[in-house]
Amino acid sequence: MPALLPILLSVLLLFGSLQPGYAASADSRLPREARVPGGLALVPFQAAAAPRVSYQDARVLVLPQPKAGPDQWLAVVGIPLDADARLAQQLNIDGKALSFDIEDKTYKAQYLTVKNKRHVDPDPEDLKRWAREKAEMDAAFSYWSEPAAPVLQFALPADGRFSSPFGLKRYFNQQPRNPHSGLDIAAPEGTPVRAPAPGVVRATGNYFFNGNTVIVDHGFGLTSLYCHLSRIDVTPGQSMSAGEQLGLVGKTGRVTGAHLHWSLSLNNVRVDPLLFVDEHLVIDKK
């Protein structure tokens, strides 16, 4: 019996760490912090009751932290690519300001040649179309839902090589454009694209720049975007489990070849999706 005591103690400790409630499980599966433009900050603070937190007028994901002590919380904050590292960033917590600092980061430049000239210099009708589509996507990115538990870890949505990392300074036909707001995964046309985490489809469509597109809401201001698909296999309002098929890799919209563009949006800010992916899953992908 004495020899069994260490084993029994280990079992008790294991079950003690798996108490019900998302706070305990979330603590051990937080995304990686990167306090840089395009990254995210994990900001601890104290509040007596469940707080409402915002950053740049967008609501922020907040987790209770009972292991840290009573009334302890953690804000998980997406930082925009155009954030100025020289300035303190401000959270609004129930009307009170809390500052946090970020560091600057220099992203590499990428020069691409696009054959469809309208995808570089759109005509007035193209711009009107894009304005309508952008409004639809912005509504999906800013949507707030509260499922039973927050999603804090993602799988990769497609098998393939990482062809263009997040944050690149982009030039199309030598003309500067917005930084790359997602991760490109190069894969043959027809490769399955699967939901990397549970969620609800908020929007689908064929967009001027993005081609066939799916947007999935994972709750608490965390949203994922999948672009350039050859086929869409889901409809708005559809609930998705991790691993279910969203569509197929394609080359629709503004592309130079078949690939998946995958973006993650946190508090309506595009952040590096690999911060939410286990580092072991990205080995040999770059």
C-alpha atoms as a PDB file:
ATOM      1  CA  MET A   1       0.000   0.000   0.000  1.00  0.00           C
ATOM      2  CA  PRO A   2       2.731   2.572   0.793  1.00  0.00           C
ATOM      3  CA  ALA A   3       4.110   2.034  -2.722  1.00  0.00           C
ATOM      4  CA  LEU A   4       0.753   3.069  -4.156  1.00  0.00           C
ATOM      5  CA  LEU A   5       0.602   6.373  -2.297  1.00  0.00           C
ATOM      6  CA  PRO A   6       2.658   8.373  -4.845  1.00  0.00           C
ATOM      7  CA  ILE A   7       0.425   7.080  -7.660  1.00  0.00           C
ATOM      8  CA  LEU A   8      -2.784   7.888  -5.774  1.00  0.00           C
ATOM      9  CA  LEU A   9      -1.456  11.340  -4.952  1.00  0.00           C
ATOM     10  CA  SER A  10      -0.668  12.004  -8.616  1.00  0.00           C
ATOM     11  CA  VAL A  11      -4.194  10.955  -9.636  1.00  0.00           C
ATOM     12  CA  LEU A  12      -5.756  13.220  -7.012  1.00  0.00           C
ATOM     13  CA  LEU A  13      -3.623  16.138  -8.141  1.00  0.00           C
ATOM     14  CA  LEU A  14      -4.606  15.517 -11.756  1.00  0.00           C
ATOM     15  CA  PHE A  15      -8.335  15.517 -11.022  1.00  0.00           C
ATOM     16  CA  GLY A  16      -7.921  18.521  -8.772  1.00  0.00           C
ATOM     17  CA  SER A  17      -6.485  20.479 -11.721  1.00  0.00           C
ATOM     18  CA  LEU A  18      -9.467  19.626 -13.913  1.00  0.00           C
ATOM     19  CA  GLN A  19     -12.222  21.355 -11.999  1.00  0.00           C
ATOM     20  CA  PRO A  20     -15.304  22.404 -13.998  1.00  0.00           C
ATOM     21  CA  GLY A  21     -15.333  25.889 -15.518  1.00  0.00           C
ATOM     22  CA  TYR A  22     -13.371  27.400 -18.370  1.00  0.00           C
ATOM     23  CA  ALA A  23     -11.124  29.589 -16.195  1.00  0.00           C
ATOM     24  CA  ALA A  24      -8.966  26.692 -15.004  1.00  0.00           C
ATOM     25  CA  SER A  25      -8.583  25.130 -18.446  1.00  0.00           C
ATOM     26  CA  ALA A  26      -7.943  28.499 -20.056  1.00  0.00           C
ATOM     27  CA  ASP A  27      -5.069  29.284 -17.703  1.00  0.00           C
ATOM     28  CA  SER A  28      -2.966  26.426 -19.094  1.00  0.00           C
ATOM     29  CA  ARG A  29      -3.889  27.024 -22.746  1.00  0.00           C
ATOM     30  CA  LEU A  30      -3.437  30.731 -23.219  1.00  0.00           C
ATOM     31  CA  PRO A  31      -2.150  32.032 -26.565  1.00  0.00           C
ATOM     32  CA  ARG A  32       1.458  33.168 -26.645  1.00  0.00           C
ATOM     33  CA  GLU A  33       1.918  36.787 -25.642  1.00  0.00           C
ATOM     34  CA  ALA A  34       3.677  39.106 -28.114  1.00  0.00           C
ATOM     35  CA  ARG A  35       3.361  42.765 -27.122  1.00  0.00           C
ATOM     36  CA  VAL A  36       4.113  44.067 -30.600  1.00  0.00           C
ATOM     37  CA  PRO A  37       2.003  45.461 -33.450  1.00  0.00           C
ATOM     38  CA  GLY A  38       0.022  42.520 -34.795  1.00  0.00           C
ATOM     39  CA  GLY A  39       0.498  40.558 -31.578  1.00  0.00           C
ATOM     40  CA  LEU A  40      -1.428  40.313 -28.352  1.00  0.00           C
ATOM     41  CA  ALA A  41      -1.045  41.359 -24.729  1.00  0.00           C
ATOM     42  CA  LEU A  42      -2.071  39.403 -21.637  1.00  0.00           C
ATOM     43  CA  VAL A  43      -2.887  42.145 -19.133  1.00  0.00           C
ATOM     44  CA  PRO A  44      -3.710  41.163 -15.532  1.00  0.00           C
ATOM     45  CA  PHE A  45      -5.871  43.414 -13.381  1.00  0.00           C
ATOM     46  CA  GLN A  46      -8.133  43.342 -10.344  1.00  0.00           C
ATOM     47  CA  ALA A  47     -11.890  43.991 -10.275  1.00  0.00           C
ATOM     48  CA  ALA A  48     -14.561  43.129  -7.750  1.00  0.00           C
ATOM     49  CA  ALA A  49     -17.138  41.923 -10.287  1.00  0.00           C
ATOM     50  CA  ALA A  50     -17.161  40.650 -13.864  1.00  0.00           C
ATOM     51  CA  PRO A  51     -15.736  43.688 -15.708  1.00  0.00           C
ATOM     52  CA  ARG A  52     -16.454  45.075 -19.151  1.00  0.00           C
ATOM     53  CA  VAL A  53     -13.168  45.889 -20.883  1.00  0.00           C
ATOM     54  CA  SER A  54     -12.576  47.676 -24.175  1.00  0.00           C
ATOM     55  CA  TYR A  55      -9.586  48.719 -26.267  1.00  0.00           C
ATOM     56  CA  GLN A  56      -9.900  51.307 -29.015  1.00  0.00           C
ATOM     57  CA  ASP A  57     -13.703  51.135 -28.570  1.00  0.00           C
ATOM     58  CA  ALA A  58     -13.823  47.357 -29.181  1.00  0.00           C
ATOM     59  CA  ARG A  59     -14.821  44.903 -26.463  1.00  0.00           C
ATOM     60  CA  VAL A  60     -12.006  42.710 -25.120  1.00  0.00           C
ATOM     61  CA  LEU A  61     -11.893  39.045 -24.111  1.00  0.00           C
ATOM     62  CA  VAL A  62     -11.517  38.754 -20.315  1.00  0.00           C
ATOM     63  CA  LEU A  63     -10.755  35.612 -18.293  1.00  0.00           C
ATOM     64  CA  PRO A  64     -11.206  35.103 -14.551  1.00  0.00           C
ATOM     65  CA  GLN A  65      -7.997  34.056 -12.806  1.00  0.00           C
ATOM     66  CA  PRO A  66      -9.014  32.393  -9.521  1.00  0.00           C
ATOM     67  CA  LYS A  67      -5.589  30.788  -9.049  1.00  0.00           C
ATOM     68  CA  ALA A  68      -4.001  34.243  -8.959  1.00  0.00           C
ATOM     69  CA  GLY A  69      -6.220  35.329  -6.074  1.00  0.00           C
ATOM     70  CA  PRO A  70      -9.650  36.824  -5.434  1.00  0.00           C
ATOM     71  CA  ASP A  71     -11.050  39.279  -7.977  1.00  0.00           C
ATOM     72  CA  GLN A  72      -8.178  38.665 -10.409  1.00  0.00           C
ATOM     73  CA  TRP A  73      -8.777  38.900 -14.171  1.00  0.00           C
ATOM     74  CA  LEU A  74      -6.783  38.697 -17.401  1.00  0.00           C
ATOM     75  CA  ALA A  75      -7.495  40.766 -20.512  1.00  0.00           C
ATOM     76  CA  VAL A  76      -6.473  39.094 -23.798  1.00  0.00           C
ATOM     77  CA  VAL A  77      -5.934  42.057 -26.119  1.00  0.00           C
ATOM     78  CA  GLY A  78      -5.264  42.095 -29.860  1.00  0.00           C
ATOM     79  CA  ILE A  79      -2.823  44.842 -30.911  1.00  0.00           C
ATOM     80  CA  PRO A  80      -3.265  46.401 -34.396  1.00  0.00           C
ATOM     81  CA  LEU A  81      -0.458  46.358 -36.937  1.00  0.00           C
ATOM     82  CA  ASP A  82      -0.448  50.161 -37.021  1.00  0.00           C
ATOM     83  CA  ALA A  83      -0.096  50.544 -33.239  1.00  0.00           C
ATOM     84  CA  ASP A  84       2.564  53.105 -32.242  1.00  0.00           C
ATOM     85  CA  ALA A  85       5.017  51.497 -29.820  1.00  0.00           C
ATOM     86  CA  ARG A  86       6.097  54.942 -28.613  1.00  0.00           C
ATOM     87  CA  LEU A  87       2.693  55.425 -27.005  1.00  0.00           C
ATOM     88  CA  ALA A  88       1.189  53.630 -24.008  1.00  0.00           C
ATOM     89  CA  GLN A  89      -1.831  51.539 -24.973  1.00  0.00           C
ATOM     90  CA  GLN A  90      -5.021  52.165 -23.003  1.00  0.00           C
ATOM     91  CA  LEU A  91      -7.577  49.669 -21.750  1.00  0.00           C
ATOM     92  CA  ASN A  92     -10.936  50.895 -20.501  1.00  0.00           C
ATOM     93  CA  ILE A  93     -12.055  48.783 -17.543  1.00  0.00           C
ATOM     94  CA  ASP A  94     -15.542  49.758 -16.420  1.00  0.00           C
ATOM     95  CA  GLY A  95     -14.711  53.383 -17.203  1.00  0.00           C
ATOM     96  CA  LYS A  96     -11.236  53.370 -15.654  1.00  0.00           C
ATOM     97  CA  ALA A  97      -8.033  53.503 -17.698  1.00  0.00           C
ATOM     98  CA  LEU A  98      -5.252  50.936 -17.462  1.00  0.00           C
ATOM     99  CA  SER A  99      -2.084  51.371 -19.541  1.00  0.00           C
ATOM    100  CA  PHE A 100       0.251  48.754 -20.974  1.00  0.00           C
ATOM    101  CA  ASP A 101       3.344  49.105 -23.149  1.00  0.00           C
ATOM    102  CA  ILE A 102       4.270  47.414 -26.397  1.00  0.00           C
ATOM    103  CA  GLU A 103       7.523  47.054 -28.328  1.00  0.00           C
ATOM    104  CA  ASP A 104       8.087  47.917 -31.968  1.00  0.00           C
ATOM    105  CA  LYS A 105       8.550  45.211 -34.591  1.00  0.00           C
ATOM    106  CA  THR A 106       9.877  45.467 -38.131  1.00  0.00           C
ATOM    107  CA  TYR A 107       8.196  43.171 -40.632  1.00  0.00           C
ATOM    108  CA  LYS A 108       9.843  42.148 -43.917  1.00  0.00           C
ATOM    109  CA  ALA A 109       8.700  43.427 -47.309  1.00  0.00           C
ATOM    110  CA  GLN A 110       7.156  41.264 -50.037  1.00  0.00           C
ATOM    111  CA  TYR A 111       6.886  42.233 -53.712  1.00  0.00           C
ATOM    112  CA  LEU A 112       4.229  40.453 -55.774  1.00  0.00           C
ATOM    113  CA  THR A 113       3.227  40.662 -59.438  1.00  0.00           C
ATOM    114  CA  VAL A 114      -0.542  40.511 -59.971  1.00  0.00           C
ATOM    115  CA  LYS A 115      -1.723  39.820 -63.536  1.00  0.00           C
ATOM    116  CA  ASN A 116      -5.242  41.164 -63.056  1.00  0.00           C
ATOM    117  CA  LYS A 117      -4.583  44.920 -63.120  1.00  0.00           C
ATOM    118  CA  ARG A 118      -7.998  45.678 -61.571  1.00  0.00           C
ATOM    119  CA  HIS A 119      -6.891  43.866 -58.416  1.00  0.00           C
ATOM    120  CA  VAL A 120      -4.151  46.510 -58.105  1.00  0.00           C
ATOM    121  CA  ASP A 121      -5.971  49.555 -59.500  1.00  0.00           C
ATOM    122  CA  PRO A 122      -9.716  48.870 -59.065  1.00  0.00           C
ATOM    123  CA  ASP A 123     -12.183  50.872 -61.148  1.00  0.00           C
ATOM    124  CA  PRO A 124     -14.998  52.862 -59.441  1.00  0.00           C
ATOM    125  CA  GLU A 125     -17.482  49.972 -59.644  1.00  0.00           C
ATOM    126  CA  ASP A 126     -14.923  47.607 -58.130  1.00  0.00           C
ATOM    127  CA  LEU A 127     -14.421  50.042 -55.249  1.00  0.00           C
ATOM    128  CA  LYS A 128     -18.166  50.266 -54.635  1.00  0.00           C
ATOM    129  CA  ARG A 129     -18.381  46.491 -54.566  1.00  0.00           C
ATOM    130  CA  TRP A 130     -15.453  46.264 -52.166  1.00  0.00           C
ATOM    131  CA  ALA A 131     -17.015  48.859 -49.857  1.00  0.00           C
ATOM    132  CA  ARG A 132     -20.172  46.719 -49.586  1.00  0.00           C
ATOM    133  CA  GLU A 133     -18.159  43.578 -48.968  1.00  0.00           C
ATOM    134  CA  LYS A 134     -15.915  45.268 -46.410  1.00  0.00           C
ATOM    135  CA  ALA A 135     -18.960  46.450 -44.442  1.00  0.00           C
ATOM    136  CA  GLU A 136     -20.243  42.861 -44.357  1.00  0.00           C
ATOM    137  CA  MET A 137     -16.882  41.561 -43.139  1.00  0.00           C
ATOM    138  CA  ASP A 138     -16.511  44.329 -40.550  1.00  0.00           C
ATOM    139  CA  ALA A 139     -19.914  43.381 -39.125  1.00  0.00           C
ATOM    140  CA  ALA A 140     -18.727  39.783 -38.758  1.00  0.00           C
ATOM    141  CA  PHE A 141     -15.407  40.832 -37.183  1.00  0.00           C
ATOM    142  CA  SER A 142     -17.111  43.080 -34.630  1.00  0.00           C
ATOM    143  CA  TYR A 143     -19.810  40.552 -33.687  1.00  0.00           C
ATOM    144  CA  TRP A 144     -19.791  39.600 -29.991  1.00  0.00           C
ATOM    145  CA  SER A 145     -21.050  36.219 -28.784  1.00  0.00           C
ATOM    146  CA  GLU A 146     -20.564  34.334 -25.539  1.00  0.00           C
ATOM    147  CA  PRO A 147     -20.365  30.547 -25.953  1.00  0.00           C
ATOM    148  CA  ALA A 148     -19.897  28.283 -22.948  1.00  0.00           C
ATOM    149  CA  ALA A 149     -16.101  28.625 -23.023  1.00  0.00           C
ATOM    150  CA  PRO A 150     -13.591  30.805 -24.894  1.00  0.00           C
ATOM    151  CA  VAL A 151     -11.474  29.318 -27.671  1.00  0.00           C
ATOM    152  CA  LEU A 152      -7.799  29.973 -26.982  1.00  0.00           C
ATOM    153  CA  GLN A 153      -6.012  27.286 -29.008  1.00  0.00           C
ATOM    154  CA  PHE A 154      -6.268  26.514 -32.750  1.00  0.00           C
ATOM    155  CA  ALA A 155      -5.135  23.747 -35.057  1.00  0.00           C
ATOM    156  CA  LEU A 156      -3.899  24.568 -38.563  1.00  0.00           C
ATOM    157  CA  PRO A 157      -6.810  24.845 -41.021  1.00  0.00           C
ATOM    158  CA  ALA A 158      -5.022  23.248 -43.997  1.00  0.00           C
ATOM    159  CA  ASP A 159      -2.019  21.092 -44.801  1.00  0.00           C
ATOM    160  CA  GLY A 160       0.694  22.971 -46.639  1.00  0.00           C
ATOM    161  CA  ARG A 161       3.764  25.183 -46.510  1.00  0.00           C
ATOM    162  CA  PHE A 162       3.638  28.660 -44.988  1.00  0.00           C
ATOM    163  CA  SER A 163       4.234  30.792 -48.077  1.00  0.00           C
ATOM    164  CA  SER A 164       3.644  34.316 -46.727  1.00  0.00           C
ATOM    165  CA  PRO A 165       3.842  35.036 -42.996  1.00  0.00           C
ATOM    166  CA  PHE A 166       1.714  37.505 -41.112  1.00  0.00           C
ATOM    167  CA  GLY A 167       2.617  41.208 -41.112  1.00  0.00           C
ATOM    168  CA  LEU A 168       4.595  41.481 -44.352  1.00  0.00           C
ATOM    169  CA  LYS A 169       4.826  44.959 -45.877  1.00  0.00           C
ATOM    170  CA  ARG A 170       3.213  44.290 -49.236  1.00  0.00           C
ATOM    171  CA  TYR A 171       3.816  45.723 -52.683  1.00  0.00           C
ATOM    172  CA  PHE A 172       1.617  44.714 -55.621  1.00  0.00           C
ATOM    173  CA  ASN A 173       3.192  45.544 -58.977  1.00  0.00           C
ATOM    174  CA  GLN A 174       5.598  47.835 -57.058  1.00  0.00           C
ATOM    175  CA  GLN A 175       2.719  49.727 -55.417  1.00  0.00           C
ATOM    176  CA  PRO A 176       2.539  49.744 -51.579  1.00  0.00           C
ATOM    177  CA  ARG A 177      -0.575  48.212 -50.038  1.00  0.00           C
ATOM    178  CA  ASN A 178      -1.792  47.325 -46.535  1.00  0.00           C
ATOM    179  CA  PRO A 179       0.387  44.891 -44.538  1.00  0.00           C
ATOM    180  CA  HIS A 180      -0.409  41.198 -44.835  1.00  0.00           C
ATOM    181  CA  SER A 181      -3.098  40.616 -42.233  1.00  0.00           C
ATOM    182  CA  GLY A 182      -2.987  36.824 -42.198  1.00  0.00           C
ATOM    183  CA  LEU A 183      -0.955  33.706 -42.849  1.00  0.00           C
ATOM    184  CA  ASP A 184      -0.806  32.192 -46.348  1.00  0.00           C
ATOM    185  CA  ILE A 185      -0.678  28.397 -46.582  1.00  0.00           C
ATOM    186  CA  ALA A 186       0.394  27.170 -50.030  1.00  0.00           C
ATOM    187  CA  ALA A 187      -1.466  24.001 -51.028  1.00  0.00           C
ATOM    188  CA  PRO A 188      -2.802  22.410 -54.211  1.00  0.00           C
ATOM    189  CA  GLU A 189      -6.213  23.544 -55.389  1.00  0.00           C
ATOM    190  CA  GLY A 190      -8.870  21.318 -53.817  1.00  0.00           C
ATOM    191  CA  THR A 191      -7.012  20.743 -50.536  1.00  0.00           C
ATOM    192  CA  PRO A 192      -9.566  20.580 -47.685  1.00  0.00           C
ATOM    193  CA  VAL A 193      -9.857  23.617 -45.404  1.00  0.00           C
ATOM    194  CA  ARG A 194     -11.111  22.640 -41.953  1.00  0.00           C
ATOM    195  CA  ALA A 195     -12.310  24.598 -38.946  1.00  0.00           C
ATOM    196  CA  PRO A 196      -9.296  24.850 -36.607  1.00  0.00           C
ATOM    197  CA  ALA A 197     -11.564  25.319 -33.576  1.00  0.00           C
ATOM    198  CA  PRO A 198     -15.285  25.264 -32.731  1.00  0.00           C
ATOM    199  CA  GLY A 199     -17.365  28.207 -33.923  1.00  0.00           C
ATOM    200  CA  VAL A 200     -20.334  29.518 -35.865  1.00  0.00           C
ATOM    201  CA  VAL A 201     -20.172  30.656 -39.495  1.00  0.00           C
ATOM    202  CA  ARG A 202     -21.016  34.378 -39.586  1.00  0.00           C
ATOM    203  CA  ALA A 203     -20.535  35.215 -43.274  1.00  0.00           C
ATOM    204  CA  THR A 204     -19.682  33.655 -46.619  1.00  0.00           C
ATOM    205  CA  GLY A 205     -19.347  35.203 -50.047  1.00  0.00           C
ATOM    206  CA  ASN A 206     -17.353  35.815 -53.171  1.00  0.00           C
ATOM    207  CA  TYR A 207     -15.447  39.048 -52.524  1.00  0.00           C
ATOM    208  CA  PHE A 208     -13.507  41.177 -54.981  1.00  0.00           C
ATOM    209  CA  PHE A 209     -10.075  40.893 -53.362  1.00  0.00           C
ATOM    210  CA  ASN A 210     -10.577  37.843 -51.108  1.00  0.00           C
ATOM    211  CA  GLY A 211     -12.377  35.550 -53.551  1.00  0.00           C
ATOM    212  CA  ASN A 212     -14.550  32.849 -52.020  1.00  0.00           C
ATOM    213  CA  THR A 213     -14.502  33.597 -48.296  1.00  0.00           C
ATOM    214  CA  VAL A 214     -15.727  32.140 -45.005  1.00  0.00           C
ATOM    215  CA  ILE A 215     -15.773  33.960 -41.652  1.00  0.00           C
ATOM    216  CA  VAL A 216     -16.187  31.960 -38.420  1.00  0.00           C
ATOM    217  CA  ASP A 217     -17.069  33.407 -35.008  1.00  0.00           C
ATOM    218  CA  HIS A 218     -15.348  31.613 -32.111  1.00  0.00           C
ATOM    219  CA  GLY A 219     -16.868  33.817 -29.409  1.00  0.00           C
ATOM    220  CA  PHE A 220     -15.742  36.663 -27.167  1.00  0.00           C
ATOM    221  CA  GLY A 221     -14.461  38.778 -30.071  1.00  0.00           C
ATOM    222  CA  LEU A 222     -12.285  36.064 -31.659  1.00  0.00           C
ATOM    223  CA  THR A 223     -13.024  35.506 -35.365  1.00  0.00           C
ATOM    224  CA  SER A 224     -11.280  33.640 -38.187  1.00  0.00           C
ATOM    225  CA  LEU A 225     -11.226  34.370 -41.931  1.00  0.00           C
ATOM    226  CA  TYR A 226     -10.540  31.965 -44.836  1.00  0.00           C
ATOM    227  CA  CYS A 227      -9.981  33.407 -48.330  1.00  0.00           C
ATOM    228  CA  HIS A 228      -9.393  32.390 -51.980  1.00  0.00           C
ATOM    229  CA  LEU A 229     -11.362  29.146 -51.665  1.00  0.00           C
ATOM    230  CA  SER A 230     -12.304  27.181 -54.787  1.00  0.00           C
ATOM    231  CA  ARG A 231     -15.467  25.994 -53.021  1.00  0.00           C
ATOM    232  CA  ILE A 232     -17.446  26.964 -49.921  1.00  0.00           C
ATOM    233  CA  ASP A 233     -19.068  24.078 -48.028  1.00  0.00           C
ATOM    234  CA  VAL A 234     -20.834  25.961 -45.213  1.00  0.00           C
ATOM    235  CA  THR A 235     -23.614  28.532 -44.778  1.00  0.00           C
ATOM    236  CA  PRO A 236     -24.037  31.473 -42.364  1.00  0.00           C
ATOM    237  CA  GLY A 237     -25.377  30.405 -38.987  1.00  0.00           C
ATOM    238  CA  GLN A 238     -23.936  26.902 -39.247  1.00  0.00           C
ATOM    239  CA  SER A 239     -22.239  25.584 -36.086  1.00  0.00           C
ATOM    240  CA  MET A 240     -18.828  24.033 -36.670  1.00  0.00           C
ATOM    241  CA  SER A 241     -16.815  21.563 -34.642  1.00  0.00           C
ATOM    242  CA  ALA A 242     -13.035  21.544 -34.852  1.00  0.00           C
ATOM    243  CA  GLY A 243     -11.967  19.581 -37.921  1.00  0.00           C
ATOM    244  CA  GLU A 244     -15.178  19.999 -39.937  1.00  0.00           C
ATOM    245  CA  GLN A 245     -14.690  21.064 -43.547  1.00  0.00           C
ATOM    246  CA  LEU A 246     -15.248  24.730 -44.451  1.00  0.00           C
ATOM    247  CA  GLY A 247     -14.306  24.462 -48.117  1.00  0.00           C
ATOM    248  CA  LEU A 248     -11.424  23.786 -50.483  1.00  0.00           C
ATOM    249  CA  VAL A 249      -8.204  25.673 -51.216  1.00  0.00           C
ATOM    250  CA  GLY A 250      -8.391  27.692 -54.417  1.00  0.00           C
ATOM    251  CA  LYS A 251      -7.074  30.733 -56.271  1.00  0.00           C
ATOM    252  CA  THR A 252     -10.077  33.055 -56.404  1.00  0.00           C
ATOM    253  CA  GLY A 253      -9.735  36.803 -55.846  1.00  0.00           C
ATOM    254  CA  ARG A 254      -6.369  38.594 -55.790  1.00  0.00           C
ATOM    255  CA  VAL A 255      -3.823  35.761 -55.863  1.00  0.00           C
ATOM    256  CA  THR A 256      -0.639  34.693 -57.591  1.00  0.00           C
ATOM    257  CA  GLY A 257      -1.387  30.974 -57.117  1.00  0.00           C
ATOM    258  CA  ALA A 258      -3.453  28.493 -55.157  1.00  0.00           C
ATOM    259  CA  HIS A 259      -3.272  29.023 -51.403  1.00  0.00           C
ATOM    260  CA  LEU A 260      -5.327  29.643 -48.267  1.00  0.00           C
ATOM    261  CA  HIS A 261      -5.205  33.055 -46.629  1.00  0.00           C
ATOM    262  CA  TRP A 262      -6.022  32.551 -42.939  1.00  0.00           C
ATOM    263  CA  SER A 263      -6.596  35.490 -40.597  1.00  0.00           C
ATOM    264  CA  LEU A 264      -7.471  35.720 -36.914  1.00  0.00           C
ATOM    265  CA  SER A 265      -9.219  38.788 -35.530  1.00  0.00           C
ATOM    266  CA  LEU A 266      -9.248  39.561 -31.800  1.00  0.00           C
ATOM    267  CA  ASN A 267     -11.290  42.557 -30.570  1.00  0.00           C
ATOM    268  CA  ASN A 268     -11.667  43.470 -34.277  1.00  0.00           C
ATOM    269  CA  VAL A 269      -7.880  43.607 -34.739  1.00  0.00           C
ATOM    270  CA  ARG A 270      -6.006  41.240 -37.070  1.00  0.00           C
ATOM    271  CA  VAL A 271      -3.325  39.354 -35.119  1.00  0.00           C
ATOM    272  CA  ASP A 272      -0.755  36.696 -35.957  1.00  0.00           C
ATOM    273  CA  PRO A 273      -2.744  33.414 -36.023  1.00  0.00           C
ATOM    274  CA  LEU A 274       0.305  31.358 -35.051  1.00  0.00           C
ATOM    275  CA  LEU A 275       0.157  32.864 -31.550  1.00  0.00           C
ATOM    276  CA  PHE A 276      -2.879  30.609 -31.023  1.00  0.00           C
ATOM    277  CA  VAL A 277      -1.270  27.473 -32.503  1.00  0.00           C
ATOM    278  CA  ASP A 278       0.868  24.953 -30.628  1.00  0.00           C
ATOM    279  CA  GLU A 279       4.466  25.575 -31.684  1.00  0.00           C
ATOM    280  CA  HIS A 280       4.948  21.843 -32.353  1.00  0.00           C
ATOM    281  CA  LEU A 281       2.402  22.073 -35.195  1.00  0.00           C
ATOM    282  CA  VAL A 282       4.390  24.660 -37.149  1.00  0.00           C
ATOM    283  CA  ILE A 283       7.717  22.818 -37.373  1.00  0.00           C
ATOM    284  CA  ASP A 284       8.943  22.538 -40.996  1.00  0.00           C
ATOM    285  CA  LYS A 285       6.010  24.618 -42.287  1.00  0.00           C
ATOM    286  CA  LYS A 286       7.993  27.815 -42.900  1.00  0.00           C
END
